[in-house]
Amino acid sequence: TITFDIPIDRSRPRRVPTALLDRA
């Protein structure tokens, strides 16, 4: 099933947030 669902703000630089990447 869906274990997480994260919106991404495209108006900001596309550097991957470390905390979100670790969570993924």
PDBML (XML) file of the C-alpha atoms, coordinates in Angstrom:
<?xml version="1.0" encoding="UTF-8" ?>
<PDBx:datablock datablockName="MODEL"
   xmlns:PDBx="http://pdbml.pdb.org/schema/pdbx-v50.xsd"
   xmlns:xsi="http://www.w3.org/2001/XMLSchema-instance"
   xsi:schemaLocation="http://pdbml.pdb.org/schema/pdbx-v50.xsd pdbx-v50.xsd">
   <PDBx:atom_siteCategory>
      <PDBx:atom_site id="1">
         <PDBx:B_iso_or_equiv>0.00</PDBx:B_iso_or_equiv>
         <PDBx:Cartn_x>0.000</PDBx:Cartn_x>
         <PDBx:Cartn_y>0.000</PDBx:Cartn_y>
         <PDBx:Cartn_z>0.000</PDBx:Cartn_z>
         <PDBx:auth_asym_id>A</PDBx:auth_asym_id>
         <PDBx:auth_atom_id>CA</PDBx:auth_atom_id>
         <PDBx:auth_comp_id>THR</PDBx:auth_comp_id>
         <PDBx:auth_seq_id>1</PDBx:auth_seq_id>
         <PDBx:group_PDB>ATOM</PDBx:group_PDB>
         <PDBx:label_alt_id xsi:nil="true" />
         <PDBx:label_asym_id>A</PDBx:label_asym_id>
         <PDBx:label_atom_id>CA</PDBx:label_atom_id>
         <PDBx:label_comp_id>THR</PDBx:label_comp_id>
         <PDBx:label_entity_id>1</PDBx:label_entity_id>
         <PDBx:label_seq_id>1</PDBx:label_seq_id>
         <PDBx:occupancy>1.00</PDBx:occupancy>
         <PDBx:pdbx_PDB_model_num>1</PDBx:pdbx_PDB_model_num>
         <PDBx:type_symbol>C</PDBx:type_symbol>
      </PDBx:atom_site>
      <PDBx:atom_site id="2">
         <PDBx:B_iso_or_equiv>0.00</PDBx:B_iso_or_equiv>
         <PDBx:Cartn_x>1.107</PDBx:Cartn_x>
         <PDBx:Cartn_y>3.633</PDBx:Cartn_y>
         <PDBx:Cartn_z>0.089</PDBx:Cartn_z>
         <PDBx:auth_asym_id>A</PDBx:auth_asym_id>
         <PDBx:auth_atom_id>CA</PDBx:auth_atom_id>
         <PDBx:auth_comp_id>ILE</PDBx:auth_comp_id>
         <PDBx:auth_seq_id>2</PDBx:auth_seq_id>
         <PDBx:group_PDB>ATOM</PDBx:group_PDB>
         <PDBx:label_alt_id xsi:nil="true" />
         <PDBx:label_asym_id>A</PDBx:label_asym_id>
         <PDBx:label_atom_id>CA</PDBx:label_atom_id>
         <PDBx:label_comp_id>ILE</PDBx:label_comp_id>
         <PDBx:label_entity_id>1</PDBx:label_entity_id>
         <PDBx:label_seq_id>2</PDBx:label_seq_id>
         <PDBx:occupancy>1.00</PDBx:occupancy>
         <PDBx:pdbx_PDB_model_num>1</PDBx:pdbx_PDB_model_num>
         <PDBx:type_symbol>C</PDBx:type_symbol>
      </PDBx:atom_site>
      <PDBx:atom_site id="3">
         <PDBx:B_iso_or_equiv>0.00</PDBx:B_iso_or_equiv>
         <PDBx:Cartn_x>3.637</PDBx:Cartn_x>
         <PDBx:Cartn_y>4.070</PDBx:Cartn_y>
         <PDBx:Cartn_z>2.888</PDBx:Cartn_z>
         <PDBx:auth_asym_id>A</PDBx:auth_asym_id>
         <PDBx:auth_atom_id>CA</PDBx:auth_atom_id>
         <PDBx:auth_comp_id>THR</PDBx:auth_comp_id>
         <PDBx:auth_seq_id>3</PDBx:auth_seq_id>
         <PDBx:group_PDB>ATOM</PDBx:group_PDB>
         <PDBx:label_alt_id xsi:nil="true" />
         <PDBx:label_asym_id>A</PDBx:label_asym_id>
         <PDBx:label_atom_id>CA</PDBx:label_atom_id>
         <PDBx:label_comp_id>THR</PDBx:label_comp_id>
         <PDBx:label_entity_id>1</PDBx:label_entity_id>
         <PDBx:label_seq_id>3</PDBx:label_seq_id>
         <PDBx:occupancy>1.00</PDBx:occupancy>
         <PDBx:pdbx_PDB_model_num>1</PDBx:pdbx_PDB_model_num>
         <PDBx:type_symbol>C</PDBx:type_symbol>
      </PDBx:atom_site>
      <PDBx:atom_site id="4">
         <PDBx:B_iso_or_equiv>0.00</PDBx:B_iso_or_equiv>
         <PDBx:Cartn_x>4.393</PDBx:Cartn_x>
         <PDBx:Cartn_y>7.746</PDBx:Cartn_y>
         <PDBx:Cartn_z>2.340</PDBx:Cartn_z>
         <PDBx:auth_asym_id>A</PDBx:auth_asym_id>
         <PDBx:auth_atom_id>CA</PDBx:auth_atom_id>
         <PDBx:auth_comp_id>PHE</PDBx:auth_comp_id>
         <PDBx:auth_seq_id>4</PDBx:auth_seq_id>
         <PDBx:group_PDB>ATOM</PDBx:group_PDB>
         <PDBx:label_alt_id xsi:nil="true" />
         <PDBx:label_asym_id>A</PDBx:label_asym_id>
         <PDBx:label_atom_id>CA</PDBx:label_atom_id>
         <PDBx:label_comp_id>PHE</PDBx:label_comp_id>
         <PDBx:label_entity_id>1</PDBx:label_entity_id>
         <PDBx:label_seq_id>4</PDBx:label_seq_id>
         <PDBx:occupancy>1.00</PDBx:occupancy>
         <PDBx:pdbx_PDB_model_num>1</PDBx:pdbx_PDB_model_num>
         <PDBx:type_symbol>C</PDBx:type_symbol>
      </PDBx:atom_site>
      <PDBx:atom_site id="5">
         <PDBx:B_iso_or_equiv>0.00</PDBx:B_iso_or_equiv>
         <PDBx:Cartn_x>3.284</PDBx:Cartn_x>
         <PDBx:Cartn_y>10.571</PDBx:Cartn_y>
         <PDBx:Cartn_z>0.074</PDBx:Cartn_z>
         <PDBx:auth_asym_id>A</PDBx:auth_asym_id>
         <PDBx:auth_atom_id>CA</PDBx:auth_atom_id>
         <PDBx:auth_comp_id>ASP</PDBx:auth_comp_id>
         <PDBx:auth_seq_id>5</PDBx:auth_seq_id>
         <PDBx:group_PDB>ATOM</PDBx:group_PDB>
         <PDBx:label_alt_id xsi:nil="true" />
         <PDBx:label_asym_id>A</PDBx:label_asym_id>
         <PDBx:label_atom_id>CA</PDBx:label_atom_id>
         <PDBx:label_comp_id>ASP</PDBx:label_comp_id>
         <PDBx:label_entity_id>1</PDBx:label_entity_id>
         <PDBx:label_seq_id>5</PDBx:label_seq_id>
         <PDBx:occupancy>1.00</PDBx:occupancy>
         <PDBx:pdbx_PDB_model_num>1</PDBx:pdbx_PDB_model_num>
         <PDBx:type_symbol>C</PDBx:type_symbol>
      </PDBx:atom_site>
      <PDBx:atom_site id="6">
         <PDBx:B_iso_or_equiv>0.00</PDBx:B_iso_or_equiv>
         <PDBx:Cartn_x>5.489</PDBx:Cartn_x>
         <PDBx:Cartn_y>13.679</PDBx:Cartn_y>
         <PDBx:Cartn_z>-0.128</PDBx:Cartn_z>
         <PDBx:auth_asym_id>A</PDBx:auth_asym_id>
         <PDBx:auth_atom_id>CA</PDBx:auth_atom_id>
         <PDBx:auth_comp_id>ILE</PDBx:auth_comp_id>
         <PDBx:auth_seq_id>6</PDBx:auth_seq_id>
         <PDBx:group_PDB>ATOM</PDBx:group_PDB>
         <PDBx:label_alt_id xsi:nil="true" />
         <PDBx:label_asym_id>A</PDBx:label_asym_id>
         <PDBx:label_atom_id>CA</PDBx:label_atom_id>
         <PDBx:label_comp_id>ILE</PDBx:label_comp_id>
         <PDBx:label_entity_id>1</PDBx:label_entity_id>
         <PDBx:label_seq_id>6</PDBx:label_seq_id>
         <PDBx:occupancy>1.00</PDBx:occupancy>
         <PDBx:pdbx_PDB_model_num>1</PDBx:pdbx_PDB_model_num>
         <PDBx:type_symbol>C</PDBx:type_symbol>
      </PDBx:atom_site>
      <PDBx:atom_site id="7">
         <PDBx:B_iso_or_equiv>0.00</PDBx:B_iso_or_equiv>
         <PDBx:Cartn_x>4.735</PDBx:Cartn_x>
         <PDBx:Cartn_y>16.854</PDBx:Cartn_y>
         <PDBx:Cartn_z>-2.105</PDBx:Cartn_z>
         <PDBx:auth_asym_id>A</PDBx:auth_asym_id>
         <PDBx:auth_atom_id>CA</PDBx:auth_atom_id>
         <PDBx:auth_comp_id>PRO</PDBx:auth_comp_id>
         <PDBx:auth_seq_id>7</PDBx:auth_seq_id>
         <PDBx:group_PDB>ATOM</PDBx:group_PDB>
         <PDBx:label_alt_id xsi:nil="true" />
         <PDBx:label_asym_id>A</PDBx:label_asym_id>
         <PDBx:label_atom_id>CA</PDBx:label_atom_id>
         <PDBx:label_comp_id>PRO</PDBx:label_comp_id>
         <PDBx:label_entity_id>1</PDBx:label_entity_id>
         <PDBx:label_seq_id>7</PDBx:label_seq_id>
         <PDBx:occupancy>1.00</PDBx:occupancy>
         <PDBx:pdbx_PDB_model_num>1</PDBx:pdbx_PDB_model_num>
         <PDBx:type_symbol>C</PDBx:type_symbol>
      </PDBx:atom_site>
      <PDBx:atom_site id="8">
         <PDBx:B_iso_or_equiv>0.00</PDBx:B_iso_or_equiv>
         <PDBx:Cartn_x>7.791</PDBx:Cartn_x>
         <PDBx:Cartn_y>18.517</PDBx:Cartn_y>
         <PDBx:Cartn_z>-3.682</PDBx:Cartn_z>
         <PDBx:auth_asym_id>A</PDBx:auth_asym_id>
         <PDBx:auth_atom_id>CA</PDBx:auth_atom_id>
         <PDBx:auth_comp_id>ILE</PDBx:auth_comp_id>
         <PDBx:auth_seq_id>8</PDBx:auth_seq_id>
         <PDBx:group_PDB>ATOM</PDBx:group_PDB>
         <PDBx:label_alt_id xsi:nil="true" />
         <PDBx:label_asym_id>A</PDBx:label_asym_id>
         <PDBx:label_atom_id>CA</PDBx:label_atom_id>
         <PDBx:label_comp_id>ILE</PDBx:label_comp_id>
         <PDBx:label_entity_id>1</PDBx:label_entity_id>
         <PDBx:label_seq_id>8</PDBx:label_seq_id>
         <PDBx:occupancy>1.00</PDBx:occupancy>
         <PDBx:pdbx_PDB_model_num>1</PDBx:pdbx_PDB_model_num>
         <PDBx:type_symbol>C</PDBx:type_symbol>
      </PDBx:atom_site>
      <PDBx:atom_site id="9">
         <PDBx:B_iso_or_equiv>0.00</PDBx:B_iso_or_equiv>
         <PDBx:Cartn_x>7.975</PDBx:Cartn_x>
         <PDBx:Cartn_y>22.275</PDBx:Cartn_y>
         <PDBx:Cartn_z>-4.116</PDBx:Cartn_z>
         <PDBx:auth_asym_id>A</PDBx:auth_asym_id>
         <PDBx:auth_atom_id>CA</PDBx:auth_atom_id>
         <PDBx:auth_comp_id>ASP</PDBx:auth_comp_id>
         <PDBx:auth_seq_id>9</PDBx:auth_seq_id>
         <PDBx:group_PDB>ATOM</PDBx:group_PDB>
         <PDBx:label_alt_id xsi:nil="true" />
         <PDBx:label_asym_id>A</PDBx:label_asym_id>
         <PDBx:label_atom_id>CA</PDBx:label_atom_id>
         <PDBx:label_comp_id>ASP</PDBx:label_comp_id>
         <PDBx:label_entity_id>1</PDBx:label_entity_id>
         <PDBx:label_seq_id>9</PDBx:label_seq_id>
         <PDBx:occupancy>1.00</PDBx:occupancy>
         <PDBx:pdbx_PDB_model_num>1</PDBx:pdbx_PDB_model_num>
         <PDBx:type_symbol>C</PDBx:type_symbol>
      </PDBx:atom_site>
      <PDBx:atom_site id="10">
         <PDBx:B_iso_or_equiv>0.00</PDBx:B_iso_or_equiv>
         <PDBx:Cartn_x>9.279</PDBx:Cartn_x>
         <PDBx:Cartn_y>22.781</PDBx:Cartn_y>
         <PDBx:Cartn_z>-7.670</PDBx:Cartn_z>
         <PDBx:auth_asym_id>A</PDBx:auth_asym_id>
         <PDBx:auth_atom_id>CA</PDBx:auth_atom_id>
         <PDBx:auth_comp_id>ARG</PDBx:auth_comp_id>
         <PDBx:auth_seq_id>10</PDBx:auth_seq_id>
         <PDBx:group_PDB>ATOM</PDBx:group_PDB>
         <PDBx:label_alt_id xsi:nil="true" />
         <PDBx:label_asym_id>A</PDBx:label_asym_id>
         <PDBx:label_atom_id>CA</PDBx:label_atom_id>
         <PDBx:label_comp_id>ARG</PDBx:label_comp_id>
         <PDBx:label_entity_id>1</PDBx:label_entity_id>
         <PDBx:label_seq_id>10</PDBx:label_seq_id>
         <PDBx:occupancy>1.00</PDBx:occupancy>
         <PDBx:pdbx_PDB_model_num>1</PDBx:pdbx_PDB_model_num>
         <PDBx:type_symbol>C</PDBx:type_symbol>
      </PDBx:atom_site>
      <PDBx:atom_site id="11">
         <PDBx:B_iso_or_equiv>0.00</PDBx:B_iso_or_equiv>
         <PDBx:Cartn_x>9.729</PDBx:Cartn_x>
         <PDBx:Cartn_y>26.507</PDBx:Cartn_y>
         <PDBx:Cartn_z>-7.117</PDBx:Cartn_z>
         <PDBx:auth_asym_id>A</PDBx:auth_asym_id>
         <PDBx:auth_atom_id>CA</PDBx:auth_atom_id>
         <PDBx:auth_comp_id>SER</PDBx:auth_comp_id>
         <PDBx:auth_seq_id>11</PDBx:auth_seq_id>
         <PDBx:group_PDB>ATOM</PDBx:group_PDB>
         <PDBx:label_alt_id xsi:nil="true" />
         <PDBx:label_asym_id>A</PDBx:label_asym_id>
         <PDBx:label_atom_id>CA</PDBx:label_atom_id>
         <PDBx:label_comp_id>SER</PDBx:label_comp_id>
         <PDBx:label_entity_id>1</PDBx:label_entity_id>
         <PDBx:label_seq_id>11</PDBx:label_seq_id>
         <PDBx:occupancy>1.00</PDBx:occupancy>
         <PDBx:pdbx_PDB_model_num>1</PDBx:pdbx_PDB_model_num>
         <PDBx:type_symbol>C</PDBx:type_symbol>
      </PDBx:atom_site>
      <PDBx:atom_site id="12">
         <PDBx:B_iso_or_equiv>0.00</PDBx:B_iso_or_equiv>
         <PDBx:Cartn_x>12.762</PDBx:Cartn_x>
         <PDBx:Cartn_y>25.786</PDBx:Cartn_y>
         <PDBx:Cartn_z>-4.942</PDBx:Cartn_z>
         <PDBx:auth_asym_id>A</PDBx:auth_asym_id>
         <PDBx:auth_atom_id>CA</PDBx:auth_atom_id>
         <PDBx:auth_comp_id>ARG</PDBx:auth_comp_id>
         <PDBx:auth_seq_id>12</PDBx:auth_seq_id>
         <PDBx:group_PDB>ATOM</PDBx:group_PDB>
         <PDBx:label_alt_id xsi:nil="true" />
         <PDBx:label_asym_id>A</PDBx:label_asym_id>
         <PDBx:label_atom_id>CA</PDBx:label_atom_id>
         <PDBx:label_comp_id>ARG</PDBx:label_comp_id>
         <PDBx:label_entity_id>1</PDBx:label_entity_id>
         <PDBx:label_seq_id>12</PDBx:label_seq_id>
         <PDBx:occupancy>1.00</PDBx:occupancy>
         <PDBx:pdbx_PDB_model_num>1</PDBx:pdbx_PDB_model_num>
         <PDBx:type_symbol>C</PDBx:type_symbol>
      </PDBx:atom_site>
      <PDBx:atom_site id="13">
         <PDBx:B_iso_or_equiv>0.00</PDBx:B_iso_or_equiv>
         <PDBx:Cartn_x>16.163</PDBx:Cartn_x>
         <PDBx:Cartn_y>24.468</PDBx:Cartn_y>
         <PDBx:Cartn_z>-6.116</PDBx:Cartn_z>
         <PDBx:auth_asym_id>A</PDBx:auth_asym_id>
         <PDBx:auth_atom_id>CA</PDBx:auth_atom_id>
         <PDBx:auth_comp_id>PRO</PDBx:auth_comp_id>
         <PDBx:auth_seq_id>13</PDBx:auth_seq_id>
         <PDBx:group_PDB>ATOM</PDBx:group_PDB>
         <PDBx:label_alt_id xsi:nil="true" />
         <PDBx:label_asym_id>A</PDBx:label_asym_id>
         <PDBx:label_atom_id>CA</PDBx:label_atom_id>
         <PDBx:label_comp_id>PRO</PDBx:label_comp_id>
         <PDBx:label_entity_id>1</PDBx:label_entity_id>
         <PDBx:label_seq_id>13</PDBx:label_seq_id>
         <PDBx:occupancy>1.00</PDBx:occupancy>
         <PDBx:pdbx_PDB_model_num>1</PDBx:pdbx_PDB_model_num>
         <PDBx:type_symbol>C</PDBx:type_symbol>
      </PDBx:atom_site>
      <PDBx:atom_site id="14">
         <PDBx:B_iso_or_equiv>0.00</PDBx:B_iso_or_equiv>
         <PDBx:Cartn_x>16.036</PDBx:Cartn_x>
         <PDBx:Cartn_y>20.760</PDBx:Cartn_y>
         <PDBx:Cartn_z>-6.967</PDBx:Cartn_z>
         <PDBx:auth_asym_id>A</PDBx:auth_asym_id>
         <PDBx:auth_atom_id>CA</PDBx:auth_atom_id>
         <PDBx:auth_comp_id>ARG</PDBx:auth_comp_id>
         <PDBx:auth_seq_id>14</PDBx:auth_seq_id>
         <PDBx:group_PDB>ATOM</PDBx:group_PDB>
         <PDBx:label_alt_id xsi:nil="true" />
         <PDBx:label_asym_id>A</PDBx:label_asym_id>
         <PDBx:label_atom_id>CA</PDBx:label_atom_id>
         <PDBx:label_comp_id>ARG</PDBx:label_comp_id>
         <PDBx:label_entity_id>1</PDBx:label_entity_id>
         <PDBx:label_seq_id>14</PDBx:label_seq_id>
         <PDBx:occupancy>1.00</PDBx:occupancy>
         <PDBx:pdbx_PDB_model_num>1</PDBx:pdbx_PDB_model_num>
         <PDBx:type_symbol>C</PDBx:type_symbol>
      </PDBx:atom_site>
      <PDBx:atom_site id="15">
         <PDBx:B_iso_or_equiv>0.00</PDBx:B_iso_or_equiv>
         <PDBx:Cartn_x>18.580</PDBx:Cartn_x>
         <PDBx:Cartn_y>19.681</PDBx:Cartn_y>
         <PDBx:Cartn_z>-4.373</PDBx:Cartn_z>
         <PDBx:auth_asym_id>A</PDBx:auth_asym_id>
         <PDBx:auth_atom_id>CA</PDBx:auth_atom_id>
         <PDBx:auth_comp_id>ARG</PDBx:auth_comp_id>
         <PDBx:auth_seq_id>15</PDBx:auth_seq_id>
         <PDBx:group_PDB>ATOM</PDBx:group_PDB>
         <PDBx:label_alt_id xsi:nil="true" />
         <PDBx:label_asym_id>A</PDBx:label_asym_id>
         <PDBx:label_atom_id>CA</PDBx:label_atom_id>
         <PDBx:label_comp_id>ARG</PDBx:label_comp_id>
         <PDBx:label_entity_id>1</PDBx:label_entity_id>
         <PDBx:label_seq_id>15</PDBx:label_seq_id>
         <PDBx:occupancy>1.00</PDBx:occupancy>
         <PDBx:pdbx_PDB_model_num>1</PDBx:pdbx_PDB_model_num>
         <PDBx:type_symbol>C</PDBx:type_symbol>
      </PDBx:atom_site>
      <PDBx:atom_site id="16">
         <PDBx:B_iso_or_equiv>0.00</PDBx:B_iso_or_equiv>
         <PDBx:Cartn_x>17.283</PDBx:Cartn_x>
         <PDBx:Cartn_y>16.494</PDBx:Cartn_y>
         <PDBx:Cartn_z>-2.745</PDBx:Cartn_z>
         <PDBx:auth_asym_id>A</PDBx:auth_asym_id>
         <PDBx:auth_atom_id>CA</PDBx:auth_atom_id>
         <PDBx:auth_comp_id>VAL</PDBx:auth_comp_id>
         <PDBx:auth_seq_id>16</PDBx:auth_seq_id>
         <PDBx:group_PDB>ATOM</PDBx:group_PDB>
         <PDBx:label_alt_id xsi:nil="true" />
         <PDBx:label_asym_id>A</PDBx:label_asym_id>
         <PDBx:label_atom_id>CA</PDBx:label_atom_id>
         <PDBx:label_comp_id>VAL</PDBx:label_comp_id>
         <PDBx:label_entity_id>1</PDBx:label_entity_id>
         <PDBx:label_seq_id>16</PDBx:label_seq_id>
         <PDBx:occupancy>1.00</PDBx:occupancy>
         <PDBx:pdbx_PDB_model_num>1</PDBx:pdbx_PDB_model_num>
         <PDBx:type_symbol>C</PDBx:type_symbol>
      </PDBx:atom_site>
      <PDBx:atom_site id="17">
         <PDBx:B_iso_or_equiv>0.00</PDBx:B_iso_or_equiv>
         <PDBx:Cartn_x>16.568</PDBx:Cartn_x>
         <PDBx:Cartn_y>17.102</PDBx:Cartn_y>
         <PDBx:Cartn_z>0.966</PDBx:Cartn_z>
         <PDBx:auth_asym_id>A</PDBx:auth_asym_id>
         <PDBx:auth_atom_id>CA</PDBx:auth_atom_id>
         <PDBx:auth_comp_id>PRO</PDBx:auth_comp_id>
         <PDBx:auth_seq_id>17</PDBx:auth_seq_id>
         <PDBx:group_PDB>ATOM</PDBx:group_PDB>
         <PDBx:label_alt_id xsi:nil="true" />
         <PDBx:label_asym_id>A</PDBx:label_asym_id>
         <PDBx:label_atom_id>CA</PDBx:label_atom_id>
         <PDBx:label_comp_id>PRO</PDBx:label_comp_id>
         <PDBx:label_entity_id>1</PDBx:label_entity_id>
         <PDBx:label_seq_id>17</PDBx:label_seq_id>
         <PDBx:occupancy>1.00</PDBx:occupancy>
         <PDBx:pdbx_PDB_model_num>1</PDBx:pdbx_PDB_model_num>
         <PDBx:type_symbol>C</PDBx:type_symbol>
      </PDBx:atom_site>
      <PDBx:atom_site id="18">
         <PDBx:B_iso_or_equiv>0.00</PDBx:B_iso_or_equiv>
         <PDBx:Cartn_x>18.729</PDBx:Cartn_x>
         <PDBx:Cartn_y>14.624</PDBx:Cartn_y>
         <PDBx:Cartn_z>2.914</PDBx:Cartn_z>
         <PDBx:auth_asym_id>A</PDBx:auth_asym_id>
         <PDBx:auth_atom_id>CA</PDBx:auth_atom_id>
         <PDBx:auth_comp_id>THR</PDBx:auth_comp_id>
         <PDBx:auth_seq_id>18</PDBx:auth_seq_id>
         <PDBx:group_PDB>ATOM</PDBx:group_PDB>
         <PDBx:label_alt_id xsi:nil="true" />
         <PDBx:label_asym_id>A</PDBx:label_asym_id>
         <PDBx:label_atom_id>CA</PDBx:label_atom_id>
         <PDBx:label_comp_id>THR</PDBx:label_comp_id>
         <PDBx:label_entity_id>1</PDBx:label_entity_id>
         <PDBx:label_seq_id>18</PDBx:label_seq_id>
         <PDBx:occupancy>1.00</PDBx:occupancy>
         <PDBx:pdbx_PDB_model_num>1</PDBx:pdbx_PDB_model_num>
         <PDBx:type_symbol>C</PDBx:type_symbol>
      </PDBx:atom_site>
      <PDBx:atom_site id="19">
         <PDBx:B_iso_or_equiv>0.00</PDBx:B_iso_or_equiv>
         <PDBx:Cartn_x>16.036</PDBx:Cartn_x>
         <PDBx:Cartn_y>13.889</PDBx:Cartn_y>
         <PDBx:Cartn_z>5.483</PDBx:Cartn_z>
         <PDBx:auth_asym_id>A</PDBx:auth_asym_id>
         <PDBx:auth_atom_id>CA</PDBx:auth_atom_id>
         <PDBx:auth_comp_id>ALA</PDBx:auth_comp_id>
         <PDBx:auth_seq_id>19</PDBx:auth_seq_id>
         <PDBx:group_PDB>ATOM</PDBx:group_PDB>
         <PDBx:label_alt_id xsi:nil="true" />
         <PDBx:label_asym_id>A</PDBx:label_asym_id>
         <PDBx:label_atom_id>CA</PDBx:label_atom_id>
         <PDBx:label_comp_id>ALA</PDBx:label_comp_id>
         <PDBx:label_entity_id>1</PDBx:label_entity_id>
         <PDBx:label_seq_id>19</PDBx:label_seq_id>
         <PDBx:occupancy>1.00</PDBx:occupancy>
         <PDBx:pdbx_PDB_model_num>1</PDBx:pdbx_PDB_model_num>
         <PDBx:type_symbol>C</PDBx:type_symbol>
      </PDBx:atom_site>
      <PDBx:atom_site id="20">
         <PDBx:B_iso_or_equiv>0.00</PDBx:B_iso_or_equiv>
         <PDBx:Cartn_x>13.479</PDBx:Cartn_x>
         <PDBx:Cartn_y>13.104</PDBx:Cartn_y>
         <PDBx:Cartn_z>2.799</PDBx:Cartn_z>
         <PDBx:auth_asym_id>A</PDBx:auth_asym_id>
         <PDBx:auth_atom_id>CA</PDBx:auth_atom_id>
         <PDBx:auth_comp_id>LEU</PDBx:auth_comp_id>
         <PDBx:auth_seq_id>20</PDBx:auth_seq_id>
         <PDBx:group_PDB>ATOM</PDBx:group_PDB>
         <PDBx:label_alt_id xsi:nil="true" />
         <PDBx:label_asym_id>A</PDBx:label_asym_id>
         <PDBx:label_atom_id>CA</PDBx:label_atom_id>
         <PDBx:label_comp_id>LEU</PDBx:label_comp_id>
         <PDBx:label_entity_id>1</PDBx:label_entity_id>
         <PDBx:label_seq_id>20</PDBx:label_seq_id>
         <PDBx:occupancy>1.00</PDBx:occupancy>
         <PDBx:pdbx_PDB_model_num>1</PDBx:pdbx_PDB_model_num>
         <PDBx:type_symbol>C</PDBx:type_symbol>
      </PDBx:atom_site>
      <PDBx:atom_site id="21">
         <PDBx:B_iso_or_equiv>0.00</PDBx:B_iso_or_equiv>
         <PDBx:Cartn_x>15.936</PDBx:Cartn_x>
         <PDBx:Cartn_y>10.974</PDBx:Cartn_y>
         <PDBx:Cartn_z>0.853</PDBx:Cartn_z>
         <PDBx:auth_asym_id>A</PDBx:auth_asym_id>
         <PDBx:auth_atom_id>CA</PDBx:auth_atom_id>
         <PDBx:auth_comp_id>LEU</PDBx:auth_comp_id>
         <PDBx:auth_seq_id>21</PDBx:auth_seq_id>
         <PDBx:group_PDB>ATOM</PDBx:group_PDB>
         <PDBx:label_alt_id xsi:nil="true" />
         <PDBx:label_asym_id>A</PDBx:label_asym_id>
         <PDBx:label_atom_id>CA</PDBx:label_atom_id>
         <PDBx:label_comp_id>LEU</PDBx:label_comp_id>
         <PDBx:label_entity_id>1</PDBx:label_entity_id>
         <PDBx:label_seq_id>21</PDBx:label_seq_id>
         <PDBx:occupancy>1.00</PDBx:occupancy>
         <PDBx:pdbx_PDB_model_num>1</PDBx:pdbx_PDB_model_num>
         <PDBx:type_symbol>C</PDBx:type_symbol>
      </PDBx:atom_site>
      <PDBx:atom_site id="22">
         <PDBx:B_iso_or_equiv>0.00</PDBx:B_iso_or_equiv>
         <PDBx:Cartn_x>16.790</PDBx:Cartn_x>
         <PDBx:Cartn_y>8.961</PDBx:Cartn_y>
         <PDBx:Cartn_z>3.981</PDBx:Cartn_z>
         <PDBx:auth_asym_id>A</PDBx:auth_asym_id>
         <PDBx:auth_atom_id>CA</PDBx:auth_atom_id>
         <PDBx:auth_comp_id>ASP</PDBx:auth_comp_id>
         <PDBx:auth_seq_id>22</PDBx:auth_seq_id>
         <PDBx:group_PDB>ATOM</PDBx:group_PDB>
         <PDBx:label_alt_id xsi:nil="true" />
         <PDBx:label_asym_id>A</PDBx:label_asym_id>
         <PDBx:label_atom_id>CA</PDBx:label_atom_id>
         <PDBx:label_comp_id>ASP</PDBx:label_comp_id>
         <PDBx:label_entity_id>1</PDBx:label_entity_id>
         <PDBx:label_seq_id>22</PDBx:label_seq_id>
         <PDBx:occupancy>1.00</PDBx:occupancy>
         <PDBx:pdbx_PDB_model_num>1</PDBx:pdbx_PDB_model_num>
         <PDBx:type_symbol>C</PDBx:type_symbol>
      </PDBx:atom_site>
      <PDBx:atom_site id="23">
         <PDBx:B_iso_or_equiv>0.00</PDBx:B_iso_or_equiv>
         <PDBx:Cartn_x>13.100</PDBx:Cartn_x>
         <PDBx:Cartn_y>8.503</PDBx:Cartn_y>
         <PDBx:Cartn_z>4.689</PDBx:Cartn_z>
         <PDBx:auth_asym_id>A</PDBx:auth_asym_id>
         <PDBx:auth_atom_id>CA</PDBx:auth_atom_id>
         <PDBx:auth_comp_id>ARG</PDBx:auth_comp_id>
         <PDBx:auth_seq_id>23</PDBx:auth_seq_id>
         <PDBx:group_PDB>ATOM</PDBx:group_PDB>
         <PDBx:label_alt_id xsi:nil="true" />
         <PDBx:label_asym_id>A</PDBx:label_asym_id>
         <PDBx:label_atom_id>CA</PDBx:label_atom_id>
         <PDBx:label_comp_id>ARG</PDBx:label_comp_id>
         <PDBx:label_entity_id>1</PDBx:label_entity_id>
         <PDBx:label_seq_id>23</PDBx:label_seq_id>
         <PDBx:occupancy>1.00</PDBx:occupancy>
         <PDBx:pdbx_PDB_model_num>1</PDBx:pdbx_PDB_model_num>
         <PDBx:type_symbol>C</PDBx:type_symbol>
      </PDBx:atom_site>
      <PDBx:atom_site id="24">
         <PDBx:B_iso_or_equiv>0.00</PDBx:B_iso_or_equiv>
         <PDBx:Cartn_x>12.504</PDBx:Cartn_x>
         <PDBx:Cartn_y>7.301</PDBx:Cartn_y>
         <PDBx:Cartn_z>1.118</PDBx:Cartn_z>
         <PDBx:auth_asym_id>A</PDBx:auth_asym_id>
         <PDBx:auth_atom_id>CA</PDBx:auth_atom_id>
         <PDBx:auth_comp_id>ALA</PDBx:auth_comp_id>
         <PDBx:auth_seq_id>24</PDBx:auth_seq_id>
         <PDBx:group_PDB>ATOM</PDBx:group_PDB>
         <PDBx:label_alt_id xsi:nil="true" />
         <PDBx:label_asym_id>A</PDBx:label_asym_id>
         <PDBx:label_atom_id>CA</PDBx:label_atom_id>
         <PDBx:label_comp_id>ALA</PDBx:label_comp_id>
         <PDBx:label_entity_id>1</PDBx:label_entity_id>
         <PDBx:label_seq_id>24</PDBx:label_seq_id>
         <PDBx:occupancy>1.00</PDBx:occupancy>
         <PDBx:pdbx_PDB_model_num>1</PDBx:pdbx_PDB_model_num>
         <PDBx:type_symbol>C</PDBx:type_symbol>
      </PDBx:atom_site>
   </PDBx:atom_siteCategory>
</PDBx:datablock>
